[in-house]
């Protein structure tokens, strides 16, 4: 009975996440971007002046809500477990590389599913690449890959990321003059602060409770024929698809999709990089963010790597745009694939 209850809970969580995404778009977020961990971390990096790309600068309340929602749920469920110290620099670099791949594709795994639900055919190639990347990552897992065991840490390590989230919220509401705000482009498209924060809190709490993770879902399906986690993302797709059909926002095709490009090869390769890096990290960008709010300082290092990676991508012309990928971005994706595979190969141990 408990197994069926868990299945029902993760499906319900997926439906709520998908519905929140559709509602946030209706309230002002960019189309097919109700939630995107990569895009929103990139916007935050711009909002705090880590990069100067004028169209992607805004401290997104959804991200702070995700962290704080996970923090509150972990405390309520007595699952706030402060641990860390497991290869912090490797996790930082992996997070950096995951962001390089995500900004080549223009979206994290969560946005990939949301784009599919909006009819974006380019996300199909992203999904193929993502599955290929996870497949490569599972080969490292089968060979004994490990970033070594984390250990208990002082409580302050676990509360720092939630504290950062609170600090960003205070700046956004109380001292917006200190931040940057896009006046055009995706960064200028935003739902009201209260709605965005509430949606983030709800999704963060649900993701913490259900262990929602796109990478974990496909990894478990490949390794163990276990589709429990994957069912949550199928539910997100269904909710987004139905919501878009109801609102008349379903737009099937490849050309003219919002905040997307049509270069199939690099959409695919970008998500291969996201898939490999996320498997080695132990979860997708959403999962890393949720774990960072649940006391895991290792995941906080991965999130910081993503933020720095996002700033680096825009400062050095690595991020794609609607016009397609850049030459620098293509080189960075190839280097990223070499780096994550090297980290995988150099951390192989004896398989238990």
Foldseek 3Di string as FASTA:
>chain_A
DVVVVLLVLLLVLLLLLLQQLLVFVVQWAFQLPSDFLLLQLLQPLQFLPLAPPQQRHDNFLLLLLLLQLLLVLLVVVVNQFAWEDQQLVLLLLLLLLLSLLCLQFVGFPLSLLSCVLQAAPLSVLLVVLLLLLLVVQVVLVQLAFDSDDIDGDPQCLLCPVNVVSVVSVCCVPPPSVSTHARPDHSRPTGGDSVSSSVSSSSSSNSCNVSVQFCLVQSNCCVPPVDNSNVSSSVSSSVSSNVSCVVVVSRDHDHPPDTFGERPSVSSSLSSSSNNNSQSSLPGTLSSLSSVSSSNYSSSVSSSNSSSSSSSVCNNPVQGAGRHHGDPNVVVSSVVSVVSSVVSSVVRHDDDD
